[in-house]
N, C-alpha and C. Protein backbone atom coordinates (compact mmCIF):
# COMPACT_ATOMS: atom_id res chain seq x y z
N MET A 1 25.50 9.15 6.43
CA MET A 1 24.44 8.50 5.72
C MET A 1 24.48 7.72 4.55
N SER A 2 24.58 6.32 4.18
CA SER A 2 24.94 5.87 2.75
C SER A 2 23.31 6.38 1.89
N GLU A 3 23.80 6.57 0.88
CA GLU A 3 22.51 6.94 -0.30
C GLU A 3 21.77 5.38 -0.86
N LYS A 4 22.81 4.45 -0.63
CA LYS A 4 22.04 3.17 -1.24
C LYS A 4 21.47 2.52 -0.06
N ILE A 5 20.14 2.11 -0.69
CA ILE A 5 19.20 1.53 0.38
C ILE A 5 19.19 -0.25 0.04
N ARG A 6 19.44 -0.79 0.97
CA ARG A 6 18.83 -2.41 0.75
C ARG A 6 17.48 -2.79 1.41
N PRO A 7 16.69 -3.47 0.37
CA PRO A 7 15.66 -4.07 1.11
C PRO A 7 15.90 -5.35 1.54
N VAL A 8 15.27 -5.34 2.84
CA VAL A 8 15.06 -6.54 3.53
C VAL A 8 13.77 -7.34 3.90
N GLY A 9 13.92 -8.47 4.07
CA GLY A 9 12.98 -9.08 4.70
C GLY A 9 11.91 -9.66 3.46
N GLY A 10 12.66 -9.66 2.41
CA GLY A 10 11.98 -10.22 0.82
C GLY A 10 11.48 -9.20 0.11
N LYS A 11 11.56 -7.85 0.83
CA LYS A 11 10.72 -6.65 0.01
C LYS A 11 11.64 -6.11 -1.04
N ILE A 12 10.88 -5.53 -2.10
CA ILE A 12 11.35 -5.24 -3.63
C ILE A 12 11.06 -3.64 -3.24
N LEU A 13 12.18 -2.87 -3.60
CA LEU A 13 12.17 -1.34 -3.63
C LEU A 13 11.91 -1.01 -4.63
N LEU A 14 10.64 -0.13 -5.18
CA LEU A 14 10.55 0.49 -6.26
C LEU A 14 10.41 1.79 -6.34
N ALA A 15 10.61 2.50 -7.43
CA ALA A 15 10.60 4.00 -7.56
C ALA A 15 9.35 4.22 -8.36
N ILE A 16 8.58 5.25 -7.86
CA ILE A 16 7.33 5.43 -8.12
C ILE A 16 7.27 6.46 -9.29
N ALA A 17 6.62 6.33 -10.62
CA ALA A 17 6.70 7.06 -11.56
C ALA A 17 5.73 8.22 -11.51
N GLU A 18 5.95 9.50 -11.62
CA GLU A 18 5.74 10.48 -11.43
C GLU A 18 4.19 10.67 -11.93
N PRO A 19 2.99 10.88 -11.29
CA PRO A 19 1.91 11.15 -11.92
C PRO A 19 1.86 12.13 -13.30
N ALA A 20 1.15 11.72 -14.15
CA ALA A 20 1.09 12.48 -15.30
C ALA A 20 0.20 13.56 -14.90
N GLU A 21 0.19 14.90 -15.74
CA GLU A 21 -1.05 15.99 -15.56
C GLU A 21 -1.96 15.87 -16.89
N GLU A 22 -3.29 15.86 -16.32
CA GLU A 22 -4.06 16.10 -17.59
C GLU A 22 -4.98 16.95 -17.45
N THR A 23 -5.26 17.63 -18.90
CA THR A 23 -5.96 19.11 -18.83
C THR A 23 -7.42 18.60 -19.24
N VAL A 24 -8.65 18.87 -18.48
CA VAL A 24 -9.78 18.55 -18.65
C VAL A 24 -10.30 19.63 -19.39
N ASP A 25 -11.21 19.74 -19.75
CA ASP A 25 -12.43 21.11 -20.55
C ASP A 25 -12.21 22.15 -19.53
N GLY A 26 -12.13 23.27 -20.13
CA GLY A 26 -12.06 24.38 -19.07
C GLY A 26 -10.35 25.03 -18.75
N GLY A 27 -9.62 24.04 -19.13
CA GLY A 27 -8.01 24.15 -18.99
C GLY A 27 -7.60 23.93 -17.52
N ILE A 28 -8.38 23.18 -16.45
CA ILE A 28 -7.99 22.89 -15.40
C ILE A 28 -7.09 21.61 -15.49
N VAL A 29 -5.77 21.99 -14.96
CA VAL A 29 -4.91 20.81 -14.82
C VAL A 29 -5.22 19.80 -13.51
N VAL A 30 -5.24 18.62 -13.92
CA VAL A 30 -5.49 17.77 -12.85
C VAL A 30 -4.61 16.55 -12.55
N LYS A 31 -3.83 16.32 -11.50
CA LYS A 31 -2.69 15.48 -11.67
C LYS A 31 -3.46 14.13 -11.39
N ARG A 32 -2.78 13.06 -12.04
CA ARG A 32 -3.31 11.85 -12.01
C ARG A 32 -3.39 11.14 -10.72
N GLY A 33 -2.52 11.53 -9.66
CA GLY A 33 -2.99 11.37 -8.26
C GLY A 33 -4.07 11.58 -7.49
N GLN A 34 -4.53 12.85 -7.85
CA GLN A 34 -5.84 13.11 -7.56
C GLN A 34 -7.14 12.53 -8.04
N LYS A 35 -6.90 11.91 -8.99
CA LYS A 35 -8.32 10.91 -9.45
C LYS A 35 -8.43 9.76 -8.71
N ARG A 36 -9.16 8.87 -8.79
CA ARG A 36 -9.29 7.46 -8.00
C ARG A 36 -7.91 6.36 -8.59
N GLU A 37 -7.32 6.10 -7.77
CA GLU A 37 -6.12 5.39 -8.12
C GLU A 37 -6.81 4.03 -8.86
N THR A 38 -6.12 3.36 -9.48
CA THR A 38 -6.26 2.14 -9.75
C THR A 38 -5.04 1.03 -9.78
N VAL A 39 -4.21 1.41 -10.82
CA VAL A 39 -2.74 0.92 -10.51
C VAL A 39 -1.60 1.85 -11.04
N ARG A 40 -0.63 1.59 -9.94
CA ARG A 40 0.80 2.65 -10.16
C ARG A 40 1.69 1.70 -10.83
N GLU A 41 2.37 2.65 -11.51
CA GLU A 41 3.29 2.21 -12.40
C GLU A 41 4.79 2.68 -11.64
N ALA A 42 5.60 1.75 -11.77
CA ALA A 42 6.84 2.02 -10.84
C ALA A 42 8.18 1.20 -11.71
N ALA A 43 9.43 1.45 -11.21
CA ALA A 43 10.57 0.79 -11.88
C ALA A 43 11.19 0.02 -10.83
N VAL A 44 11.79 -0.97 -10.87
CA VAL A 44 12.39 -1.55 -9.85
C VAL A 44 13.76 -0.79 -9.38
N TYR A 45 13.81 -0.59 -8.37
CA TYR A 45 15.13 0.05 -7.85
C TYR A 45 16.00 -0.58 -7.26
N ALA A 46 15.84 -1.58 -6.27
CA ALA A 46 16.70 -2.24 -5.90
C ALA A 46 16.03 -3.38 -5.43
N LEU A 47 16.67 -4.70 -5.33
CA LEU A 47 16.28 -6.23 -4.72
C LEU A 47 16.81 -6.83 -3.47
N PRO A 48 16.28 -7.43 -2.72
CA PRO A 48 16.93 -7.91 -1.62
C PRO A 48 18.02 -8.73 -1.87
N SER A 49 18.86 -8.82 -1.16
CA SER A 49 19.99 -9.70 -1.32
C SER A 49 19.69 -11.24 -1.34
N GLY A 50 20.39 -11.94 -2.22
CA GLY A 50 19.67 -13.23 -2.61
C GLY A 50 18.49 -13.52 -3.65
N TYR A 51 18.27 -12.46 -3.96
CA TYR A 51 16.59 -12.35 -4.81
C TYR A 51 16.91 -13.49 -6.13
N SER A 52 16.09 -14.29 -5.98
CA SER A 52 16.06 -15.34 -7.26
C SER A 52 14.99 -15.16 -8.25
N GLY A 53 13.94 -14.10 -8.23
CA GLY A 53 12.80 -14.00 -9.12
C GLY A 53 13.11 -13.70 -10.39
N GLU A 54 11.86 -13.34 -11.11
CA GLU A 54 12.09 -12.80 -12.35
C GLU A 54 12.22 -11.35 -12.66
N LEU A 55 12.28 -10.61 -11.77
CA LEU A 55 12.87 -9.10 -11.88
C LEU A 55 14.25 -8.94 -11.99
N GLU A 56 14.17 -7.61 -12.51
CA GLU A 56 15.85 -7.01 -12.55
C GLU A 56 15.74 -5.63 -12.50
N VAL A 57 16.70 -5.08 -11.85
CA VAL A 57 16.90 -3.63 -11.57
C VAL A 57 16.17 -2.97 -12.86
N GLY A 58 15.67 -1.79 -12.92
CA GLY A 58 15.37 -0.98 -13.97
C GLY A 58 14.06 -1.64 -14.54
N ASP A 59 13.47 -2.74 -14.42
CA ASP A 59 12.35 -3.20 -14.91
C ASP A 59 11.04 -2.51 -14.80
N THR A 60 10.09 -2.10 -15.36
CA THR A 60 8.89 -1.59 -15.31
C THR A 60 8.02 -2.47 -14.45
N VAL A 61 7.16 -1.89 -13.71
CA VAL A 61 6.23 -3.14 -13.16
C VAL A 61 5.14 -2.39 -12.71
N TYR A 62 3.89 -2.89 -12.60
CA TYR A 62 2.74 -2.28 -12.16
C TYR A 62 2.18 -2.69 -10.81
N VAL A 63 1.75 -2.03 -9.69
CA VAL A 63 1.43 -2.67 -8.49
C VAL A 63 -0.03 -2.40 -7.97
N LYS A 64 -0.59 -2.99 -7.39
CA LYS A 64 -1.87 -2.87 -6.58
C LYS A 64 -1.91 -1.21 -6.09
N PRO A 65 -2.99 -0.85 -6.18
CA PRO A 65 -3.30 0.68 -5.42
C PRO A 65 -3.30 0.35 -3.89
N TRP A 66 -2.67 1.39 -3.42
CA TRP A 66 -2.53 1.40 -1.60
C TRP A 66 -1.68 0.10 -1.35
N SER A 67 -0.91 -0.33 -2.04
CA SER A 67 0.02 -1.66 -1.65
C SER A 67 1.43 -0.95 -1.23
N GLY A 68 2.17 -1.63 -0.27
CA GLY A 68 3.38 -1.25 0.34
C GLY A 68 3.62 -0.16 0.93
N THR A 69 4.88 0.52 1.39
CA THR A 69 4.73 1.41 2.25
C THR A 69 5.82 2.39 1.53
N GLU A 70 5.47 3.61 1.20
CA GLU A 70 5.92 4.67 0.72
C GLU A 70 6.68 5.29 1.33
N ILE A 71 8.04 6.04 1.10
CA ILE A 71 8.89 6.84 1.75
C ILE A 71 9.41 7.94 0.31
N ILE A 72 9.82 8.75 0.89
CA ILE A 72 10.69 9.69 0.15
C ILE A 72 12.18 10.12 0.41
N ARG A 73 12.88 9.54 -0.60
CA ARG A 73 14.28 9.75 -0.62
C ARG A 73 15.07 10.16 -1.50
N CYS A 74 15.90 11.67 -0.91
CA CYS A 74 16.35 12.41 -1.94
C CYS A 74 15.71 12.74 -3.20
N GLY A 75 14.43 13.17 -2.85
CA GLY A 75 13.63 13.71 -3.65
C GLY A 75 12.70 12.65 -4.54
N ARG A 76 12.84 11.51 -4.35
CA ARG A 76 12.15 10.20 -5.14
C ARG A 76 11.24 9.67 -3.95
N ARG A 77 10.03 9.41 -4.86
CA ARG A 77 8.95 8.65 -4.36
C ARG A 77 9.52 7.05 -4.60
N LEU A 78 9.45 6.53 -3.28
CA LEU A 78 9.96 4.91 -3.44
C LEU A 78 9.09 4.18 -2.55
N LEU A 79 8.82 3.05 -2.92
CA LEU A 79 7.96 2.02 -2.26
C LEU A 79 8.49 0.75 -1.93
N PHE A 80 8.24 0.71 -0.75
CA PHE A 80 8.72 -0.95 -0.41
C PHE A 80 7.57 -1.82 -0.75
N ALA A 81 7.54 -2.89 -1.38
CA ALA A 81 6.44 -4.05 -1.73
C ALA A 81 6.88 -5.44 -1.81
N LYS A 82 5.74 -6.08 -1.40
CA LYS A 82 5.96 -7.49 -1.45
C LYS A 82 5.82 -8.15 -2.95
N GLU A 83 6.89 -8.83 -3.55
CA GLU A 83 6.35 -9.43 -4.93
C GLU A 83 5.18 -9.60 -5.19
N SER A 84 4.43 -10.23 -4.05
CA SER A 84 2.68 -10.80 -4.34
C SER A 84 1.86 -9.25 -4.62
N GLU A 85 2.50 -8.24 -4.38
CA GLU A 85 1.62 -7.01 -4.51
C GLU A 85 2.19 -6.36 -6.19
N ILE A 86 3.08 -7.02 -6.67
CA ILE A 86 3.35 -6.89 -8.12
C ILE A 86 2.41 -7.45 -9.16
N MET A 87 1.73 -6.86 -10.06
CA MET A 87 0.59 -7.51 -10.82
C MET A 87 1.17 -7.69 -12.00
N ALA A 88 2.26 -7.14 -12.62
CA ALA A 88 2.69 -7.26 -13.94
C ALA A 88 4.30 -6.55 -14.06
N ALA A 89 4.94 -6.98 -15.15
CA ALA A 89 5.89 -6.55 -15.42
C ALA A 89 6.38 -6.27 -17.09
N GLY A 90 7.23 -5.30 -17.41
CA GLY A 90 6.84 -5.22 -18.81
C GLY A 90 6.66 -3.57 -19.29
N GLY A 91 6.87 -2.97 -20.39
CA GLY A 91 6.57 -1.93 -20.42
C GLY A 91 6.12 -1.45 -21.39
């Protein structure tokens, strides 16, 4: 099986940034994903064939919480998302 994934149907494939750990009073470590999620940070991993939008592979983007379809591939958390679910790009 090929390691390269090509998104189809106008979806954009994003690599989700790993949640940061935060230490609260008392030394308890809380992963960011365990808190109420607001916006997720990701990097553009692959674009569909013929894509002519503003994004490029490697761009940092911010997506709405609970958007897209998440998969785990080769130990990475990936997200198939519509361009309309991406709120901002930049870093």
